[in-house]
């Protein structure tokens, strides 16, 4: 797995933790995880998907879509 995909996997894991925290109304945990998520997202390059092979691009898009679904649930 490329480092870029690994970072997206970490990002999704954080979003999933944030979703669980929001559902449990654990606002302190949610805020802490959101800070970590923002720092990780800030480190991701703007052209991340373009750096990946076609197969990795498919996986990256799926990870990003799952992140967006989690974000919608949190809101």
C-alpha atoms as a PDB file:
ATOM      1  CA  UNK A   1       0.000   0.000   0.000  1.00  0.00           C
ATOM      2  CA  UNK A   2       1.302   3.432  -0.887  1.00  0.00           C
ATOM      3  CA  UNK A   3       1.943   5.984   1.866  1.00  0.00           C
ATOM      4  CA  UNK A   4      -0.830   8.157   0.410  1.00  0.00           C
ATOM      5  CA  UNK A   5      -3.404   5.370   0.717  1.00  0.00           C
ATOM      6  CA  UNK A   6      -2.208   4.624   4.226  1.00  0.00           C
ATOM      7  CA  UNK A   7      -2.817   8.260   5.163  1.00  0.00           C
ATOM      8  CA  UNK A   8      -6.306   8.126   3.674  1.00  0.00           C
ATOM      9  CA  UNK A   9      -6.970   4.938   5.659  1.00  0.00           C
ATOM     10  CA  UNK A  10      -5.897   6.805   8.817  1.00  0.00           C
ATOM     11  CA  UNK A  11      -8.159   9.700   7.879  1.00  0.00           C
ATOM     12  CA  UNK A  12     -11.138   7.380   7.449  1.00  0.00           C
ATOM     13  CA  UNK A  13     -10.382   5.698  10.778  1.00  0.00           C
ATOM     14  CA  UNK A  14     -10.468   9.097  12.461  1.00  0.00           C
ATOM     15  CA  UNK A  15     -13.753   9.961  10.776  1.00  0.00           C
ATOM     16  CA  UNK A  16     -15.219   6.660  11.976  1.00  0.00           C
ATOM     17  CA  UNK A  17     -14.075   7.401  15.532  1.00  0.00           C
ATOM     18  CA  UNK A  18     -15.580  10.863  15.257  1.00  0.00           C
ATOM     19  CA  UNK A  19     -18.871   9.396  14.047  1.00  0.00           C
ATOM     20  CA  UNK A  20     -18.980   7.063  17.045  1.00  0.00           C
ATOM     21  CA  UNK A  21     -18.142   9.908  19.409  1.00  0.00           C
ATOM     22  CA  UNK A  22     -20.888  12.083  17.931  1.00  0.00           C
ATOM     23  CA  UNK A  23     -23.441   9.284  18.225  1.00  0.00           C
ATOM     24  CA  UNK A  24     -22.409   8.826  21.872  1.00  0.00           C
ATOM     25  CA  UNK A  25     -22.524  12.596  22.385  1.00  0.00           C
ATOM     26  CA  UNK A  26     -18.923  12.475  23.575  1.00  0.00           C
ATOM     27  CA  UNK A  27     -18.114  16.007  22.492  1.00  0.00           C
ATOM     28  CA  UNK A  28     -14.709  16.139  24.160  1.00  0.00           C
ATOM     29  CA  UNK A  29     -13.527  13.054  22.288  1.00  0.00           C
ATOM     30  CA  UNK A  30     -15.077  14.332  19.066  1.00  0.00           C
ATOM     31  CA  UNK A  31     -13.249  17.654  19.380  1.00  0.00           C
ATOM     32  CA  UNK A  32      -9.936  15.920  20.099  1.00  0.00           C
ATOM     33  CA  UNK A  33     -10.294  13.577  17.138  1.00  0.00           C
ATOM     34  CA  UNK A  34     -11.350  16.454  14.902  1.00  0.00           C
ATOM     35  CA  UNK A  35      -8.153  18.309  15.796  1.00  0.00           C
ATOM     36  CA  UNK A  36      -6.135  15.224  14.853  1.00  0.00           C
ATOM     37  CA  UNK A  37      -8.157  14.811  11.645  1.00  0.00           C
ATOM     38  CA  UNK A  38      -7.588  18.425  10.627  1.00  0.00           C
ATOM     39  CA  UNK A  39      -3.837  18.118  11.178  1.00  0.00           C
ATOM     40  CA  UNK A  40      -3.695  14.952   9.075  1.00  0.00           C
ATOM     41  CA  UNK A  41      -5.844  16.441   6.311  1.00  0.00           C
ATOM     42  CA  UNK A  42      -3.619  19.515   6.228  1.00  0.00           C
ATOM     43  CA  UNK A  43      -0.608  17.299   5.505  1.00  0.00           C
ATOM     44  CA  UNK A  44      -2.213  15.557   2.527  1.00  0.00           C
ATOM     45  CA  UNK A  45      -1.037  16.933  -0.821  1.00  0.00           C
ATOM     46  CA  UNK A  46      -3.598  18.656  -3.037  1.00  0.00           C
ATOM     47  CA  UNK A  47      -2.760  16.346  -5.933  1.00  0.00           C
ATOM     48  CA  UNK A  48      -2.816  13.163  -3.862  1.00  0.00           C
ATOM     49  CA  UNK A  49      -4.997  11.146  -6.243  1.00  0.00           C
ATOM     50  CA  UNK A  50      -2.898  12.111  -9.270  1.00  0.00           C
ATOM     51  CA  UNK A  51       0.149  10.528  -7.605  1.00  0.00           C
ATOM     52  CA  UNK A  52      -1.513   7.116  -7.442  1.00  0.00           C
ATOM     53  CA  UNK A  53      -1.783   4.264  -9.907  1.00  0.00           C
ATOM     54  CA  UNK A  54      -5.217   3.768 -11.512  1.00  0.00           C
ATOM     55  CA  UNK A  55      -6.051   0.929  -9.099  1.00  0.00           C
ATOM     56  CA  UNK A  56      -4.962   3.028  -6.128  1.00  0.00           C
ATOM     57  CA  UNK A  57      -7.039   5.941  -7.428  1.00  0.00           C
ATOM     58  CA  UNK A  58     -10.157   3.770  -7.259  1.00  0.00           C
ATOM     59  CA  UNK A  59      -9.376   2.872  -3.636  1.00  0.00           C
ATOM     60  CA  UNK A  60      -8.562   6.499  -2.787  1.00  0.00           C
ATOM     61  CA  UNK A  61     -11.877   7.691  -4.188  1.00  0.00           C
ATOM     62  CA  UNK A  62     -13.735   5.073  -2.139  1.00  0.00           C
ATOM     63  CA  UNK A  63     -11.903   6.143   1.021  1.00  0.00           C
ATOM     64  CA  UNK A  64     -12.654   9.813   0.368  1.00  0.00           C
ATOM     65  CA  UNK A  65     -16.332   9.057  -0.316  1.00  0.00           C
ATOM     66  CA  UNK A  66     -16.526   7.133   2.980  1.00  0.00           C
ATOM     67  CA  UNK A  67     -14.915  10.079   4.784  1.00  0.00           C
ATOM     68  CA  UNK A  68     -17.547  12.396   3.305  1.00  0.00           C
ATOM     69  CA  UNK A  69     -20.345  10.047   4.362  1.00  0.00           C
ATOM     70  CA  UNK A  70     -18.989  10.015   7.910  1.00  0.00           C
ATOM     71  CA  UNK A  71     -18.734  13.795   7.919  1.00  0.00           C
ATOM     72  CA  UNK A  72     -22.365  14.089   6.814  1.00  0.00           C
ATOM     73  CA  UNK A  73     -23.445  11.756   9.624  1.00  0.00           C
ATOM     74  CA  UNK A  74     -21.491  13.768  12.174  1.00  0.00           C
ATOM     75  CA  UNK A  75     -23.129  17.014  11.083  1.00  0.00           C
END
